Amino acid sequence: MKAKVYITPKQGILDPQGVAIERSLPALGFEGVANVRVGKYIELELPAGDGAADEVDKMCHKLLANPIIEDFRFELETE
């Protein structure tokens, strides 16, 4: 089973990478882009089972994301 984890800064948390990208895009001809947020994408292979979603949620809370300043979501794919 594959888990795809998406982690982004919470709204209201300063995102310096997102700000830098947002400010640079007009110089490249991309106008009107706003609220750029930069995050992380993590793929995990784990054993299939009924508790997979709970395990990934625990991994995110304990290690992969900082729940104080980051939001996360994940998708599970069976192969």
PDB file of N, CA and C in Angstrom:
ATOM      1  N   MET A   1       0.847  -1.160   0.000  1.00  0.00           N
ATOM      2  CA  MET A   1       0.000   0.000   0.000  1.00  0.00           C
ATOM      3  C   MET A   1       0.899   1.231   0.000  1.00  0.00           C
ATOM      4  N   LYS A   2       0.472   2.260  -0.718  1.00  0.00           N
ATOM      5  CA  LYS A   2       1.227   3.502  -0.787  1.00  0.00           C
ATOM      6  C   LYS A   2       0.429   4.613  -0.123  1.00  0.00           C
ATOM      7  N   ALA A   3       1.122   5.400   0.689  1.00  0.00           N
ATOM      8  CA  ALA A   3       0.527   6.591   1.283  1.00  0.00           C
ATOM      9  C   ALA A   3       1.209   7.810   0.682  1.00  0.00           C
ATOM     10  N   LYS A   4       0.396   8.778   0.270  1.00  0.00           N
ATOM     11  CA  LYS A   4       0.909  10.052  -0.231  1.00  0.00           C
ATOM     12  C   LYS A   4       0.510  11.119   0.779  1.00  0.00           C
ATOM     13  N   VAL A   5       1.516  11.782   1.353  1.00  0.00           N
ATOM     14  CA  VAL A   5       1.285  12.756   2.412  1.00  0.00           C
ATOM     15  C   VAL A   5       1.624  14.150   1.886  1.00  0.00           C
ATOM     16  N   TYR A   6       0.702  15.091   2.076  1.00  0.00           N
ATOM     17  CA  TYR A   6       0.871  16.480   1.650  1.00  0.00           C
ATOM     18  C   TYR A   6       0.881  17.366   2.897  1.00  0.00           C
ATOM     19  N   ILE A   7       1.956  18.139   3.070  1.00  0.00           N
ATOM     20  CA  ILE A   7       2.122  18.964   4.258  1.00  0.00           C
ATOM     21  C   ILE A   7       2.315  20.420   3.818  1.00  0.00           C
ATOM     22  N   THR A   8       1.535  21.334   4.404  1.00  0.00           N
ATOM     23  CA  THR A   8       1.641  22.751   4.075  1.00  0.00           C
ATOM     24  C   THR A   8       1.585  23.583   5.364  1.00  0.00           C
ATOM     25  N   PRO A   9       2.157  24.788   5.311  1.00  0.00           N
ATOM     26  CA  PRO A   9       2.043  25.656   6.493  1.00  0.00           C
ATOM     27  C   PRO A   9       0.572  26.018   6.737  1.00  0.00           C
ATOM     28  N   LYS A  10       0.201  26.132   7.990  1.00  0.00           N
ATOM     29  CA  LYS A  10      -1.164  26.549   8.321  1.00  0.00           C
ATOM     30  C   LYS A  10      -1.384  27.979   7.856  1.00  0.00           C
ATOM     31  N   GLN A  11      -2.649  28.319   7.590  1.00  0.00           N
ATOM     32  CA  GLN A  11      -2.982  29.700   7.254  1.00  0.00           C
ATOM     33  C   GLN A  11      -2.567  30.587   8.421  1.00  0.00           C
ATOM     34  N   GLY A  12      -1.997  31.718   8.099  1.00  0.00           N
ATOM     35  CA  GLY A  12      -1.553  32.636   9.129  1.00  0.00           C
ATOM     36  C   GLY A  12      -0.109  32.439   9.549  1.00  0.00           C
ATOM     37  N   ILE A  13       0.494  31.329   9.152  1.00  0.00           N
ATOM     38  CA  ILE A  13       1.907  31.071   9.455  1.00  0.00           C
ATOM     39  C   ILE A  13       2.739  31.624   8.302  1.00  0.00           C
ATOM     40  N   LEU A  14       3.776  32.385   8.615  1.00  0.00           N
ATOM     41  CA  LEU A  14       4.637  32.960   7.599  1.00  0.00           C
ATOM     42  C   LEU A  14       5.249  31.851   6.745  1.00  0.00           C
ATOM     43  N   ASP A  15       5.194  32.026   5.421  1.00  0.00           N
ATOM     44  CA  ASP A  15       5.753  31.069   4.473  1.00  0.00           C
ATOM     45  C   ASP A  15       6.738  31.816   3.578  1.00  0.00           C
ATOM     46  N   PRO A  16       8.006  31.982   4.009  1.00  0.00           N
ATOM     47  CA  PRO A  16       8.961  32.775   3.251  1.00  0.00           C
ATOM     48  C   PRO A  16       9.208  32.249   1.834  1.00  0.00           C
ATOM     49  N   GLN A  17       9.205  30.924   1.659  1.00  0.00           N
ATOM     50  CA  GLN A  17       9.394  30.366   0.313  1.00  0.00           C
ATOM     51  C   GLN A  17       8.216  30.736  -0.584  1.00  0.00           C
ATOM     52  N   GLY A  18       7.016  30.644  -0.058  1.00  0.00           N
ATOM     53  CA  GLY A  18       5.834  31.004  -0.827  1.00  0.00           C
ATOM     54  C   GLY A  18       5.850  32.475  -1.215  1.00  0.00           C
ATOM     55  N   VAL A  19       6.262  33.339  -0.286  1.00  0.00           N
ATOM     56  CA  VAL A  19       6.340  34.776  -0.555  1.00  0.00           C
ATOM     57  C   VAL A  19       7.370  35.049  -1.651  1.00  0.00           C
ATOM     58  N   ALA A  20       8.527  34.399  -1.576  1.00  0.00           N
ATOM     59  CA  ALA A  20       9.573  34.604  -2.581  1.00  0.00           C
ATOM     60  C   ALA A  20       9.093  34.181  -3.964  1.00  0.00           C
ATOM     61  N   ILE A  21       8.411  33.059  -4.043  1.00  0.00           N
ATOM     62  CA  ILE A  21       7.885  32.595  -5.328  1.00  0.00           C
ATOM     63  C   ILE A  21       6.827  33.553  -5.845  1.00  0.00           C
ATOM     64  N   GLU A  22       5.920  33.972  -4.977  1.00  0.00           N
ATOM     65  CA  GLU A  22       4.847  34.884  -5.371  1.00  0.00           C
ATOM     66  C   GLU A  22       5.403  36.202  -5.909  1.00  0.00           C
ATOM     67  N   ARG A  23       6.455  36.701  -5.296  1.00  0.00           N
ATOM     68  CA  ARG A  23       7.071  37.952  -5.743  1.00  0.00           C
ATOM     69  C   ARG A  23       7.857  37.779  -7.039  1.00  0.00           C
ATOM     70  N   SER A  24       8.367  36.592  -7.301  1.00  0.00           N
ATOM     71  CA  SER A  24       9.180  36.352  -8.497  1.00  0.00           C
ATOM     72  C   SER A  24       8.358  36.062  -9.746  1.00  0.00           C
ATOM     73  N   LEU A  25       7.182  35.521  -9.600  1.00  0.00           N
ATOM     74  CA  LEU A  25       6.378  35.112 -10.759  1.00  0.00           C
ATOM     75  C   LEU A  25       6.053  36.263 -11.715  1.00  0.00           C
ATOM     76  N   PRO A  26       5.695  37.463 -11.242  1.00  0.00           N
ATOM     77  CA  PRO A  26       5.415  38.542 -12.192  1.00  0.00           C
ATOM     78  C   PRO A  26       6.613  38.891 -13.088  1.00  0.00           C
ATOM     79  N   ALA A  27       7.824  38.793 -12.557  1.00  0.00           N
ATOM     80  CA  ALA A  27       9.019  39.064 -13.357  1.00  0.00           C
ATOM     81  C   ALA A  27       9.177  38.058 -14.489  1.00  0.00           C
ATOM     82  N   LEU A  28       8.555  36.905 -14.334  1.00  0.00           N
ATOM     83  CA  LEU A  28       8.616  35.862 -15.368  1.00  0.00           C
ATOM     84  C   LEU A  28       7.385  35.889 -16.268  1.00  0.00           C
ATOM     85  N   GLY A  29       6.533  36.884 -16.083  1.00  0.00           N
ATOM     86  CA  GLY A  29       5.363  37.028 -16.939  1.00  0.00           C
ATOM     87  C   GLY A  29       4.102  36.358 -16.427  1.00  0.00           C
ATOM     88  N   PHE A  30       4.110  35.914 -15.188  1.00  0.00           N
ATOM     89  CA  PHE A  30       2.938  35.259 -14.607  1.00  0.00           C
ATOM     90  C   PHE A  30       2.258  36.222 -13.642  1.00  0.00           C
ATOM     91  N   GLU A  31       1.252  36.923 -14.131  1.00  0.00           N
ATOM     92  CA  GLU A  31       0.567  37.938 -13.338  1.00  0.00           C
ATOM     93  C   GLU A  31      -0.643  37.342 -12.615  1.00  0.00           C
ATOM     94  N   GLY A  32      -1.000  37.960 -11.505  1.00  0.00           N
ATOM     95  CA  GLY A  32      -2.231  37.612 -10.818  1.00  0.00           C
ATOM     96  C   GLY A  32      -2.157  36.399  -9.899  1.00  0.00           C
ATOM     97  N   VAL A  33      -0.988  35.830  -9.714  1.00  0.00           N
ATOM     98  CA  VAL A  33      -0.853  34.675  -8.817  1.00  0.00           C
ATOM     99  C   VAL A  33      -0.772  35.195  -7.384  1.00  0.00           C
ATOM    100  N   ALA A  34      -1.542  34.586  -6.492  1.00  0.00           N
ATOM    101  CA  ALA A  34      -1.575  35.053  -5.105  1.00  0.00           C
ATOM    102  C   ALA A  34      -1.632  33.867  -4.145  1.00  0.00           C
ATOM    103  N   ASN A  35      -1.297  34.139  -2.913  1.00  0.00           N
ATOM    104  CA  ASN A  35      -1.386  33.156  -1.824  1.00  0.00           C
ATOM    105  C   ASN A  35      -0.612  31.871  -2.109  1.00  0.00           C
ATOM    106  N   VAL A  36       0.621  32.015  -2.555  1.00  0.00           N
ATOM    107  CA  VAL A  36       1.462  30.849  -2.834  1.00  0.00           C
ATOM    108  C   VAL A  36       1.897  30.236  -1.513  1.00  0.00           C
ATOM    109  N   ARG A  37       1.729  28.936  -1.388  1.00  0.00           N
ATOM    110  CA  ARG A  37       2.149  28.194  -0.205  1.00  0.00           C
ATOM    111  C   ARG A  37       3.064  27.060  -0.660  1.00  0.00           C
ATOM    112  N   VAL A  38       4.193  26.905  -0.011  1.00  0.00           N
ATOM    113  CA  VAL A  38       5.143  25.854  -0.340  1.00  0.00           C
ATOM    114  C   VAL A  38       5.083  24.806   0.766  1.00  0.00           C
ATOM    115  N   GLY A  39       5.027  23.552   0.365  1.00  0.00           N
ATOM    116  CA  GLY A  39       4.931  22.478   1.349  1.00  0.00           C
ATOM    117  C   GLY A  39       5.846  21.314   1.016  1.00  0.00           C
ATOM    118  N   LYS A  40       5.525  20.181   1.614  1.00  0.00           N
ATOM    119  CA  LYS A  40       6.293  18.952   1.416  1.00  0.00           C
ATOM    120  C   LYS A  40       5.356  17.862   0.901  1.00  0.00           C
ATOM    121  N   TYR A  41       5.928  16.957   0.120  1.00  0.00           N
ATOM    122  CA  TYR A  41       5.209  15.787  -0.371  1.00  0.00           C
ATOM    123  C   TYR A  41       6.049  14.574  -0.002  1.00  0.00           C
ATOM    124  N   ILE A  42       5.438  13.605   0.652  1.00  0.00           N
ATOM    125  CA  ILE A  42       6.147  12.404   1.100  1.00  0.00           C
ATOM    126  C   ILE A  42       5.369  11.174   0.649  1.00  0.00           C
ATOM    127  N   GLU A  43       6.065  10.201   0.061  1.00  0.00           N
ATOM    128  CA  GLU A  43       5.454   8.914  -0.286  1.00  0.00           C
ATOM    129  C   GLU A  43       6.001   7.840   0.631  1.00  0.00           C
ATOM    130  N   LEU A  44       5.120   6.989   1.108  1.00  0.00           N
ATOM    131  CA  LEU A  44       5.498   5.894   2.005  1.00  0.00           C
ATOM    132  C   LEU A  44       4.929   4.589   1.470  1.00  0.00           C
ATOM    133  N   GLU A  45       5.692   3.531   1.550  1.00  0.00           N
ATOM    134  CA  GLU A  45       5.197   2.183   1.275  1.00  0.00           C
ATOM    135  C   GLU A  45       4.981   1.511   2.631  1.00  0.00           C
ATOM    136  N   LEU A  46       3.803   0.947   2.833  1.00  0.00           N
ATOM    137  CA  LEU A  46       3.520   0.285   4.096  1.00  0.00           C
ATOM    138  C   LEU A  46       2.650  -0.941   3.861  1.00  0.00           C
ATOM    139  N   PRO A  47       2.643  -1.846   4.817  1.00  0.00           N
ATOM    140  CA  PRO A  47       1.835  -3.055   4.655  1.00  0.00           C
ATOM    141  C   PRO A  47       0.349  -2.711   4.583  1.00  0.00           C
ATOM    142  N   ALA A  48      -0.359  -3.413   3.720  1.00  0.00           N
ATOM    143  CA  ALA A  48      -1.806  -3.214   3.604  1.00  0.00           C
ATOM    144  C   ALA A  48      -2.479  -3.722   4.874  1.00  0.00           C
ATOM    145  N   GLY A  49      -3.541  -3.062   5.256  1.00  0.00           N
ATOM    146  CA  GLY A  49      -4.270  -3.482   6.443  1.00  0.00           C
ATOM    147  C   GLY A  49      -5.317  -2.465   6.822  1.00  0.00           C
ATOM    148  N   ASP A  50      -6.215  -2.878   7.681  1.00  0.00           N
ATOM    149  CA  ASP A  50      -7.306  -2.001   8.098  1.00  0.00           C
ATOM    150  C   ASP A  50      -6.821  -0.792   8.888  1.00  0.00           C
ATOM    151  N   GLY A  51      -5.699  -0.883   9.553  1.00  0.00           N
ATOM    152  CA  GLY A  51      -5.218   0.208  10.384  1.00  0.00           C
ATOM    153  C   GLY A  51      -4.247   1.145   9.684  1.00  0.00           C
ATOM    154  N   ALA A  52      -4.118   1.036   8.356  1.00  0.00           N
ATOM    155  CA  ALA A  52      -3.122   1.842   7.639  1.00  0.00           C
ATOM    156  C   ALA A  52      -3.380   3.336   7.793  1.00  0.00           C
ATOM    157  N   ALA A  53      -4.614   3.767   7.663  1.00  0.00           N
ATOM    158  CA  ALA A  53      -4.926   5.194   7.764  1.00  0.00           C
ATOM    159  C   ALA A  53      -4.572   5.726   9.156  1.00  0.00           C
ATOM    160  N   ASP A  54      -4.878   4.956  10.176  1.00  0.00           N
ATOM    161  CA  ASP A  54      -4.560   5.367  11.543  1.00  0.00           C
ATOM    162  C   ASP A  54      -3.050   5.458  11.733  1.00  0.00           C
ATOM    163  N   GLU A  55      -2.310   4.517  11.164  1.00  0.00           N
ATOM    164  CA  GLU A  55      -0.856   4.522  11.287  1.00  0.00           C
ATOM    165  C   GLU A  55      -0.251   5.745  10.604  1.00  0.00           C
ATOM    166  N   VAL A  56      -0.708   6.065   9.411  1.00  0.00           N
ATOM    167  CA  VAL A  56      -0.186   7.231   8.693  1.00  0.00           C
ATOM    168  C   VAL A  56      -0.524   8.506   9.464  1.00  0.00           C
ATOM    169  N   ASP A  57      -1.727   8.588  10.005  1.00  0.00           N
ATOM    170  CA  ASP A  57      -2.113   9.747  10.804  1.00  0.00           C
ATOM    171  C   ASP A  57      -1.175   9.909  12.004  1.00  0.00           C
ATOM    172  N   LYS A  58      -0.867   8.822  12.675  1.00  0.00           N
ATOM    173  CA  LYS A  58       0.050   8.868  13.817  1.00  0.00           C
ATOM    174  C   LYS A  58       1.446   9.297  13.377  1.00  0.00           C
ATOM    175  N   MET A  59       1.915   8.782  12.230  1.00  0.00           N
ATOM    176  CA  MET A  59       3.233   9.168  11.713  1.00  0.00           C
ATOM    177  C   MET A  59       3.293  10.670  11.462  1.00  0.00           C
ATOM    178  N   CYS A  60       2.233  11.200  10.895  1.00  0.00           N
ATOM    179  CA  CYS A  60       2.181  12.635  10.601  1.00  0.00           C
ATOM    180  C   CYS A  60       2.217  13.459  11.884  1.00  0.00           C
ATOM    181  N   HIS A  61       1.432  13.053  12.864  1.00  0.00           N
ATOM    182  CA  HIS A  61       1.394  13.800  14.127  1.00  0.00           C
ATOM    183  C   HIS A  61       2.704  13.712  14.902  1.00  0.00           C
ATOM    184  N   LYS A  62       3.381  12.566  14.837  1.00  0.00           N
ATOM    185  CA  LYS A  62       4.574  12.359  15.655  1.00  0.00           C
ATOM    186  C   LYS A  62       5.879  12.763  14.975  1.00  0.00           C
ATOM    187  N   LEU A  63       5.942  12.727  13.623  1.00  0.00           N
ATOM    188  CA  LEU A  63       7.224  12.946  12.973  1.00  0.00           C
ATOM    189  C   LEU A  63       7.148  13.749  11.676  1.00  0.00           C
ATOM    190  N   LEU A  64       6.272  13.374  10.784  1.00  0.00           N
ATOM    191  CA  LEU A  64       6.305  13.939   9.435  1.00  0.00           C
ATOM    192  C   LEU A  64       5.892  15.403   9.376  1.00  0.00           C
ATOM    193  N   ALA A  65       4.946  15.806  10.188  1.00  0.00           N
ATOM    194  CA  ALA A  65       4.463  17.190  10.193  1.00  0.00           C
ATOM    195  C   ALA A  65       4.571  17.760  11.600  1.00  0.00           C
ATOM    196  N   ASN A  66       4.614  19.066  11.673  1.00  0.00           N
ATOM    197  CA  ASN A  66       4.556  19.756  12.958  1.00  0.00           C
ATOM    198  C   ASN A  66       3.130  20.296  13.083  1.00  0.00           C
ATOM    199  N   PRO A  67       2.248  19.602  13.792  1.00  0.00           N
ATOM    200  CA  PRO A  67       0.836  19.988  13.832  1.00  0.00           C
ATOM    201  C   PRO A  67       0.573  21.388  14.398  1.00  0.00           C
ATOM    202  N   ILE A  68       1.555  21.990  15.045  1.00  0.00           N
ATOM    203  CA  ILE A  68       1.380  23.336  15.578  1.00  0.00           C
ATOM    204  C   ILE A  68       1.385  24.363  14.445  1.00  0.00           C
ATOM    205  N   ILE A  69       2.250  24.164  13.447  1.00  0.00           N
ATOM    206  CA  ILE A  69       2.372  25.151  12.368  1.00  0.00           C
ATOM    207  C   ILE A  69       2.054  24.601  10.983  1.00  0.00           C
ATOM    208  N   GLU A  70       1.793  23.294  10.877  1.00  0.00           N
ATOM    209  CA  GLU A  70       1.547  22.699   9.565  1.00  0.00           C
ATOM    210  C   GLU A  70       0.236  21.919   9.544  1.00  0.00           C
ATOM    211  N   ASP A  71      -0.428  21.961   8.389  1.00  0.00           N
ATOM    212  CA  ASP A  71      -1.575  21.102   8.118  1.00  0.00           C
ATOM    213  C   ASP A  71      -1.096  19.949   7.261  1.00  0.00           C
ATOM    214  N   PHE A  72      -1.777  18.817   7.356  1.00  0.00           N
ATOM    215  CA  PHE A  72      -1.434  17.707   6.486  1.00  0.00           C
ATOM    216  C   PHE A  72      -2.697  16.970   6.072  1.00  0.00           C
ATOM    217  N   ARG A  73      -2.576  16.294   4.972  1.00  0.00           N
ATOM    218  CA  ARG A  73      -3.608  15.361   4.500  1.00  0.00           C
ATOM    219  C   ARG A  73      -2.866  14.242   3.797  1.00  0.00           C
ATOM    220  N   PHE A  74      -3.541  13.104   3.671  1.00  0.00           N
ATOM    221  CA  PHE A  74      -2.887  11.989   2.994  1.00  0.00           C
ATOM    222  C   PHE A  74      -3.922  11.184   2.222  1.00  0.00           C
ATOM    223  N   GLU A  75      -3.392  10.449   1.249  1.00  0.00           N
ATOM    224  CA  GLU A  75      -4.199   9.538   0.437  1.00  0.00           C
ATOM    225  C   GLU A  75      -3.566   8.170   0.522  1.00  0.00           C
ATOM    226  N   LEU A  76      -4.380   7.149   0.564  1.00  0.00           N
ATOM    227  CA  LEU A  76      -3.890   5.781   0.532  1.00  0.00           C
ATOM    228  C   LEU A  76      -4.251   5.147  -0.809  1.00  0.00           C
ATOM    229  N   GLU A  77      -3.282   4.483  -1.401  1.00  0.00           N
ATOM    230  CA  GLU A  77      -3.507   3.791  -2.676  1.00  0.00           C
ATOM    231  C   GLU A  77      -3.149   2.329  -2.509  1.00  0.00           C
ATOM    232  N   THR A  78      -4.047   1.476  -2.933  1.00  0.00           N
ATOM    233  CA  THR A  78      -3.722   0.058  -2.979  1.00  0.00           C
ATOM    234  C   THR A  78      -3.227  -0.243  -4.375  1.00  0.00           C
ATOM    235  N   GLU A  79      -2.260  -1.114  -4.471  1.00  0.00           N
ATOM    236  CA  GLU A  79      -1.667  -1.393  -5.776  1.00  0.00           C
ATOM    237  C   GLU A  79      -2.150  -2.678  -6.345  1.00  0.00           C
TER     238      GLU A  79
END
